[in-house]
Amino acid sequence: MAPSPRERTESLPDPKFLTIAEVATMMRVSKMTVYRLVHSGELPAVRVGRSFRVTEQDVDDYLRKSFFNAG
C-alpha cells in the first residue's frame, strides 16, 4: 500500500531556503554573481514572486563541485 501524501511529506526534511543576498554572503561573492549562476542554470533556484530562493543543500553541492574543478 502506497504512503499517503501526508506521510510522504512528514518523512522528508524541510529544505532551508536562502535569499540571493544570503547565498552571496555565504559564498563571499557579489549578489550579481549569484544571479548569474542562477540565470545560467549552474545554481538551481526557486522563484518566489519576483525573488529567488536557493536551498542550502544546492549551495553546498555547487561549492563542493566547484572546489574539485578548481584544481
PDB file of N, CA and C in Angstrom:
ATOM      1  N   MET A   1       0.831  -1.175   0.000  1.00  0.00           N
ATOM      2  CA  MET A   1       0.000   0.000   0.000  1.00  0.00           C
ATOM      3  C   MET A   1       0.882   1.248   0.000  1.00  0.00           C
ATOM      4  N   ALA A   2       0.598   2.190  -0.873  1.00  0.00           N
ATOM      5  CA  ALA A   2       1.399   3.408  -1.008  1.00  0.00           C
ATOM      6  C   ALA A   2       1.147   4.348   0.165  1.00  0.00           C
ATOM      7  N   PRO A   3       2.204   5.058   0.616  1.00  0.00           N
ATOM      8  CA  PRO A   3       2.010   6.014   1.708  1.00  0.00           C
ATOM      9  C   PRO A   3       1.150   7.187   1.244  1.00  0.00           C
ATOM     10  N   SER A   4       0.404   7.748   2.184  1.00  0.00           N
ATOM     11  CA  SER A   4      -0.443   8.893   1.867  1.00  0.00           C
ATOM     12  C   SER A   4       0.441  10.117   1.649  1.00  0.00           C
ATOM     13  N   PRO A   5      -0.077  11.155   0.981  1.00  0.00           N
ATOM     14  CA  PRO A   5       0.721  12.377   0.778  1.00  0.00           C
ATOM     15  C   PRO A   5       1.224  12.974   2.082  1.00  0.00           C
ATOM     16  N   ARG A   6       0.422  12.888   3.129  1.00  0.00           N
ATOM     17  CA  ARG A   6       0.832  13.426   4.425  1.00  0.00           C
ATOM     18  C   ARG A   6       2.023  12.648   4.976  1.00  0.00           C
ATOM     19  N   GLU A   7       2.007  11.324   4.854  1.00  0.00           N
ATOM     20  CA  GLU A   7       3.115  10.503   5.343  1.00  0.00           C
ATOM     21  C   GLU A   7       4.393  10.795   4.562  1.00  0.00           C
ATOM     22  N   ARG A   8       4.267  11.020   3.261  1.00  0.00           N
ATOM     23  CA  ARG A   8       5.456  11.320   2.456  1.00  0.00           C
ATOM     24  C   ARG A   8       6.077  12.643   2.875  1.00  0.00           C
ATOM     25  N   THR A   9       5.285  13.670   3.111  1.00  0.00           N
ATOM     26  CA  THR A   9       5.839  14.977   3.470  1.00  0.00           C
ATOM     27  C   THR A   9       6.390  14.988   4.886  1.00  0.00           C
ATOM     28  N   GLU A  10       5.830  14.175   5.775  1.00  0.00           N
ATOM     29  CA  GLU A  10       6.339  14.145   7.145  1.00  0.00           C
ATOM     30  C   GLU A  10       7.696  13.465   7.232  1.00  0.00           C
ATOM     31  N   SER A  11       8.008  12.567   6.306  1.00  0.00           N
ATOM     32  CA  SER A  11       9.268  11.843   6.379  1.00  0.00           C
ATOM     33  C   SER A  11      10.423  12.605   5.734  1.00  0.00           C
ATOM     34  N   LEU A  12      10.130  13.609   4.911  1.00  0.00           N
ATOM     35  CA  LEU A  12      11.177  14.373   4.256  1.00  0.00           C
ATOM     36  C   LEU A  12      11.588  15.569   5.108  1.00  0.00           C
ATOM     37  N   PRO A  13      12.916  15.835   5.205  1.00  0.00           N
ATOM     38  CA  PRO A  13      13.338  17.027   5.947  1.00  0.00           C
ATOM     39  C   PRO A  13      12.988  18.283   5.151  1.00  0.00           C
ATOM     40  N   ASP A  14      12.642  19.344   5.854  1.00  0.00           N
ATOM     41  CA  ASP A  14      12.333  20.607   5.189  1.00  0.00           C
ATOM     42  C   ASP A  14      13.633  21.259   4.733  1.00  0.00           C
ATOM     43  N   PRO A  15      13.723  21.602   3.445  1.00  0.00           N
ATOM     44  CA  PRO A  15      14.947  22.273   2.990  1.00  0.00           C
ATOM     45  C   PRO A  15      14.990  23.698   3.521  1.00  0.00           C
ATOM     46  N   LYS A  16      16.188  24.186   3.773  1.00  0.00           N
ATOM     47  CA  LYS A  16      16.353  25.564   4.229  1.00  0.00           C
ATOM     48  C   LYS A  16      16.601  26.424   2.998  1.00  0.00           C
ATOM     49  N   PHE A  17      15.716  27.387   2.766  1.00  0.00           N
ATOM     50  CA  PHE A  17      15.837  28.276   1.617  1.00  0.00           C
ATOM     51  C   PHE A  17      16.560  29.547   2.004  1.00  0.00           C
ATOM     52  N   LEU A  18      17.475  29.976   1.139  1.00  0.00           N
ATOM     53  CA  LEU A  18      18.269  31.178   1.370  1.00  0.00           C
ATOM     54  C   LEU A  18      17.950  32.218   0.302  1.00  0.00           C
ATOM     55  N   THR A  19      18.049  33.480   0.669  1.00  0.00           N
ATOM     56  CA  THR A  19      17.889  34.555  -0.310  1.00  0.00           C
ATOM     57  C   THR A  19      19.181  34.688  -1.115  1.00  0.00           C
ATOM     58  N   ILE A  20      19.106  35.429  -2.201  1.00  0.00           N
ATOM     59  CA  ILE A  20      20.297  35.676  -3.022  1.00  0.00           C
ATOM     60  C   ILE A  20      21.372  36.377  -2.188  1.00  0.00           C
ATOM     61  N   ALA A  21      20.961  37.323  -1.353  1.00  0.00           N
ATOM     62  CA  ALA A  21      21.925  38.045  -0.506  1.00  0.00           C
ATOM     63  C   ALA A  21      22.606  37.095   0.481  1.00  0.00           C
ATOM     64  N   GLU A  22      21.844  36.164   1.061  1.00  0.00           N
ATOM     65  CA  GLU A  22      22.434  35.199   1.997  1.00  0.00           C
ATOM     66  C   GLU A  22      23.408  34.266   1.288  1.00  0.00           C
ATOM     67  N   VAL A  23      23.062  33.851   0.080  1.00  0.00           N
ATOM     68  CA  VAL A  23      23.962  32.990  -0.701  1.00  0.00           C
ATOM     69  C   VAL A  23      25.245  33.748  -1.031  1.00  0.00           C
ATOM     70  N   ALA A  24      25.109  35.015  -1.433  1.00  0.00           N
ATOM     71  CA  ALA A  24      26.280  35.832  -1.762  1.00  0.00           C
ATOM     72  C   ALA A  24      27.208  35.972  -0.555  1.00  0.00           C
ATOM     73  N   THR A  25      26.633  36.200   0.601  1.00  0.00           N
ATOM     74  CA  THR A  25      27.431  36.305   1.829  1.00  0.00           C
ATOM     75  C   THR A  25      28.117  34.986   2.142  1.00  0.00           C
ATOM     76  N   MET A  26      27.379  33.906   2.012  1.00  0.00           N
ATOM     77  CA  MET A  26      27.914  32.573   2.297  1.00  0.00           C
ATOM     78  C   MET A  26      29.088  32.228   1.365  1.00  0.00           C
ATOM     79  N   MET A  27      28.949  32.606   0.085  1.00  0.00           N
ATOM     80  CA  MET A  27      29.978  32.297  -0.912  1.00  0.00           C
ATOM     81  C   MET A  27      31.052  33.377  -1.008  1.00  0.00           C
ATOM     82  N   ARG A  28      30.817  34.517  -0.337  1.00  0.00           N
ATOM     83  CA  ARG A  28      31.727  35.668  -0.365  1.00  0.00           C
ATOM     84  C   ARG A  28      31.928  36.189  -1.790  1.00  0.00           C
ATOM     85  N   VAL A  29      30.789  36.349  -2.482  1.00  0.00           N
ATOM     86  CA  VAL A  29      30.777  36.939  -3.813  1.00  0.00           C
ATOM     87  C   VAL A  29      29.672  37.992  -3.844  1.00  0.00           C
ATOM     88  N   SER A  30      29.550  38.702  -4.953  1.00  0.00           N
ATOM     89  CA  SER A  30      28.503  39.711  -5.054  1.00  0.00           C
ATOM     90  C   SER A  30      27.159  39.053  -5.375  1.00  0.00           C
ATOM     91  N   LYS A  31      26.087  39.797  -5.125  1.00  0.00           N
ATOM     92  CA  LYS A  31      24.753  39.303  -5.459  1.00  0.00           C
ATOM     93  C   LYS A  31      24.638  39.086  -6.962  1.00  0.00           C
ATOM     94  N   MET A  32      25.269  39.942  -7.757  1.00  0.00           N
ATOM     95  CA  MET A  32      25.210  39.805  -9.212  1.00  0.00           C
ATOM     96  C   MET A  32      25.828  38.474  -9.656  1.00  0.00           C
ATOM     97  N   THR A  33      26.884  38.043  -9.007  1.00  0.00           N
ATOM     98  CA  THR A  33      27.493  36.754  -9.332  1.00  0.00           C
ATOM     99  C   THR A  33      26.511  35.621  -9.072  1.00  0.00           C
ATOM    100  N   VAL A  34      25.802  35.692  -7.968  1.00  0.00           N
ATOM    101  CA  VAL A  34      24.807  34.663  -7.645  1.00  0.00           C
ATOM    102  C   VAL A  34      23.679  34.689  -8.667  1.00  0.00           C
ATOM    103  N   TYR A  35      23.211  35.886  -9.034  1.00  0.00           N
ATOM    104  CA  TYR A  35      22.169  35.987 -10.060  1.00  0.00           C
ATOM    105  C   TYR A  35      22.635  35.359 -11.371  1.00  0.00           C
ATOM    106  N   ARG A  36      23.886  35.576 -11.741  1.00  0.00           N
ATOM    107  CA  ARG A  36      24.414  34.977 -12.973  1.00  0.00           C
ATOM    108  C   ARG A  36      24.411  33.454 -12.885  1.00  0.00           C
ATOM    109  N   LEU A  37      24.798  32.920 -11.740  1.00  0.00           N
ATOM    110  CA  LEU A  37      24.793  31.466 -11.556  1.00  0.00           C
ATOM    111  C   LEU A  37      23.385  30.901 -11.659  1.00  0.00           C
ATOM    112  N   VAL A  38      22.423  31.607 -11.087  1.00  0.00           N
ATOM    113  CA  VAL A  38      21.026  31.168 -11.130  1.00  0.00           C
ATOM    114  C   VAL A  38      20.499  31.221 -12.554  1.00  0.00           C
ATOM    115  N   HIS A  39      20.714  32.337 -13.240  1.00  0.00           N
ATOM    116  CA  HIS A  39      20.181  32.504 -14.592  1.00  0.00           C
ATOM    117  C   HIS A  39      20.847  31.565 -15.597  1.00  0.00           C
ATOM    118  N   SER A  40      22.109  31.190 -15.358  1.00  0.00           N
ATOM    119  CA  SER A  40      22.794  30.265 -16.268  1.00  0.00           C
ATOM    120  C   SER A  40      22.406  28.810 -16.002  1.00  0.00           C
ATOM    121  N   GLY A  41      21.758  28.569 -14.857  1.00  0.00           N
ATOM    122  CA  GLY A  41      21.363  27.206 -14.523  1.00  0.00           C
ATOM    123  C   GLY A  41      22.391  26.439 -13.716  1.00  0.00           C
ATOM    124  N   GLU A  42      23.528  27.069 -13.421  1.00  0.00           N
ATOM    125  CA  GLU A  42      24.568  26.393 -12.633  1.00  0.00           C
ATOM    126  C   GLU A  42      24.158  26.206 -11.179  1.00  0.00           C
ATOM    127  N   LEU A  43      23.319  27.110 -10.677  1.00  0.00           N
ATOM    128  CA  LEU A  43      22.841  27.041  -9.308  1.00  0.00           C
ATOM    129  C   LEU A  43      21.313  26.999  -9.338  1.00  0.00           C
ATOM    130  N   PRO A  44      20.723  25.850  -8.977  1.00  0.00           N
ATOM    131  CA  PRO A  44      19.256  25.744  -9.018  1.00  0.00           C
ATOM    132  C   PRO A  44      18.600  26.704  -8.030  1.00  0.00           C
ATOM    133  N   ALA A  45      17.482  27.277  -8.443  1.00  0.00           N
ATOM    134  CA  ALA A  45      16.759  28.215  -7.589  1.00  0.00           C
ATOM    135  C   ALA A  45      15.266  28.091  -7.854  1.00  0.00           C
ATOM    136  N   VAL A  46      14.492  28.534  -6.874  1.00  0.00           N
ATOM    137  CA  VAL A  46      13.039  28.571  -6.976  1.00  0.00           C
ATOM    138  C   VAL A  46      12.633  30.033  -7.005  1.00  0.00           C
ATOM    139  N   ARG A  47      11.739  30.360  -7.916  1.00  0.00           N
ATOM    140  CA  ARG A  47      11.263  31.743  -7.983  1.00  0.00           C
ATOM    141  C   ARG A  47      10.057  31.892  -7.065  1.00  0.00           C
ATOM    142  N   VAL A  48      10.116  32.877  -6.179  1.00  0.00           N
ATOM    143  CA  VAL A  48       9.019  33.187  -5.258  1.00  0.00           C
ATOM    144  C   VAL A  48       8.629  34.633  -5.519  1.00  0.00           C
ATOM    145  N   GLY A  49       7.533  34.808  -6.217  1.00  0.00           N
ATOM    146  CA  GLY A  49       7.154  36.156  -6.618  1.00  0.00           C
ATOM    147  C   GLY A  49       8.188  36.707  -7.572  1.00  0.00           C
ATOM    148  N   ARG A  50       8.792  37.829  -7.194  1.00  0.00           N
ATOM    149  CA  ARG A  50       9.825  38.430  -8.038  1.00  0.00           C
ATOM    150  C   ARG A  50      11.235  38.109  -7.560  1.00  0.00           C
ATOM    151  N   SER A  51      11.361  37.308  -6.517  1.00  0.00           N
ATOM    152  CA  SER A  51      12.685  36.996  -5.986  1.00  0.00           C
ATOM    153  C   SER A  51      12.994  35.509  -6.135  1.00  0.00           C
ATOM    154  N   PHE A  52      14.225  35.154  -5.866  1.00  0.00           N
ATOM    155  CA  PHE A  52      14.677  33.770  -5.956  1.00  0.00           C
ATOM    156  C   PHE A  52      15.041  33.252  -4.579  1.00  0.00           C
ATOM    157  N   ARG A  53      14.893  31.952  -4.405  1.00  0.00           N
ATOM    158  CA  ARG A  53      15.359  31.270  -3.193  1.00  0.00           C
ATOM    159  C   ARG A  53      16.166  30.068  -3.627  1.00  0.00           C
ATOM    160  N   VAL A  54      17.255  29.820  -2.901  1.00  0.00           N
ATOM    161  CA  VAL A  54      18.162  28.723  -3.200  1.00  0.00           C
ATOM    162  C   VAL A  54      18.273  27.864  -1.952  1.00  0.00           C
ATOM    163  N   THR A  55      18.206  26.548  -2.120  1.00  0.00           N
ATOM    164  CA  THR A  55      18.335  25.692  -0.938  1.00  0.00           C
ATOM    165  C   THR A  55      19.794  25.670  -0.488  1.00  0.00           C
ATOM    166  N   GLU A  56      19.959  25.529   0.792  1.00  0.00           N
ATOM    167  CA  GLU A  56      21.301  25.465   1.369  1.00  0.00           C
ATOM    168  C   GLU A  56      22.062  24.265   0.807  1.00  0.00           C
ATOM    169  N   GLN A  57      21.345  23.162   0.582  1.00  0.00           N
ATOM    170  CA  GLN A  57      21.960  21.956   0.022  1.00  0.00           C
ATOM    171  C   GLN A  57      22.493  22.219  -1.394  1.00  0.00           C
ATOM    172  N   ASP A  58      21.748  22.969  -2.206  1.00  0.00           N
ATOM    173  CA  ASP A  58      22.214  23.287  -3.561  1.00  0.00           C
ATOM    174  C   ASP A  58      23.469  24.160  -3.528  1.00  0.00           C
ATOM    175  N   VAL A  59      23.540  25.080  -2.575  1.00  0.00           N
ATOM    176  CA  VAL A  59      24.743  25.908  -2.434  1.00  0.00           C
ATOM    177  C   VAL A  59      25.921  25.027  -2.038  1.00  0.00           C
ATOM    178  N   ASP A  60      25.717  24.151  -1.066  1.00  0.00           N
ATOM    179  CA  ASP A  60      26.785  23.241  -0.639  1.00  0.00           C
ATOM    180  C   ASP A  60      27.254  22.356  -1.790  1.00  0.00           C
ATOM    181  N   ASP A  61      26.301  21.816  -2.557  1.00  0.00           N
ATOM    182  CA  ASP A  61      26.646  20.966  -3.704  1.00  0.00           C
ATOM    183  C   ASP A  61      27.441  21.742  -4.747  1.00  0.00           C
ATOM    184  N   TYR A  62      27.012  22.969  -5.043  1.00  0.00           N
ATOM    185  CA  TYR A  62      27.718  23.792  -6.022  1.00  0.00           C
ATOM    186  C   TYR A  62      29.152  24.074  -5.559  1.00  0.00           C
ATOM    187  N   LEU A  63      29.315  24.450  -4.301  1.00  0.00           N
ATOM    188  CA  LEU A  63      30.660  24.755  -3.791  1.00  0.00           C
ATOM    189  C   LEU A  63      31.544  23.518  -3.787  1.00  0.00           C
ATOM    190  N   ARG A  64      30.984  22.381  -3.410  1.00  0.00           N
ATOM    191  CA  ARG A  64      31.747  21.130  -3.395  1.00  0.00           C
ATOM    192  C   ARG A  64      32.207  20.781  -4.816  1.00  0.00           C
ATOM    193  N   LYS A  65      31.297  20.898  -5.787  1.00  0.00           N
ATOM    194  CA  LYS A  65      31.621  20.588  -7.179  1.00  0.00           C
ATOM    195  C   LYS A  65      32.664  21.571  -7.707  1.00  0.00           C
ATOM    196  N   SER A  66      32.513  22.840  -7.381  1.00  0.00           N
ATOM    197  CA  SER A  66      33.427  23.863  -7.862  1.00  0.00           C
ATOM    198  C   SER A  66      34.817  23.719  -7.241  1.00  0.00           C
ATOM    199  N   PHE A  67      34.851  23.301  -5.999  1.00  0.00           N
ATOM    200  CA  PHE A  67      36.134  23.131  -5.305  1.00  0.00           C
ATOM    201  C   PHE A  67      36.994  22.111  -6.030  1.00  0.00           C
ATOM    202  N   PHE A  68      36.409  20.996  -6.433  1.00  0.00           N
ATOM    203  CA  PHE A  68      37.177  19.941  -7.090  1.00  0.00           C
ATOM    204  C   PHE A  68      37.562  20.331  -8.514  1.00  0.00           C
ATOM    205  N   ASN A  69      36.781  21.197  -9.169  1.00  0.00           N
ATOM    206  CA  ASN A  69      37.094  21.635 -10.528  1.00  0.00           C
ATOM    207  C   ASN A  69      38.133  22.749 -10.537  1.00  0.00           C
ATOM    208  N   ALA A  70      38.432  23.332  -9.384  1.00  0.00           N
ATOM    209  CA  ALA A  70      39.332  24.479  -9.341  1.00  0.00           C
ATOM    210  C   ALA A  70      40.807  24.084  -9.442  1.00  0.00           C
ATOM    211  N   GLY A  71      41.121  22.826  -9.206  1.00  0.00           N
ATOM    212  CA  GLY A  71      42.478  22.370  -9.084  1.00  0.00           C
ATOM    213  C   GLY A  71      43.261  22.343 -10.321  1.00  0.00           C
TER     214      GLY A  71
END
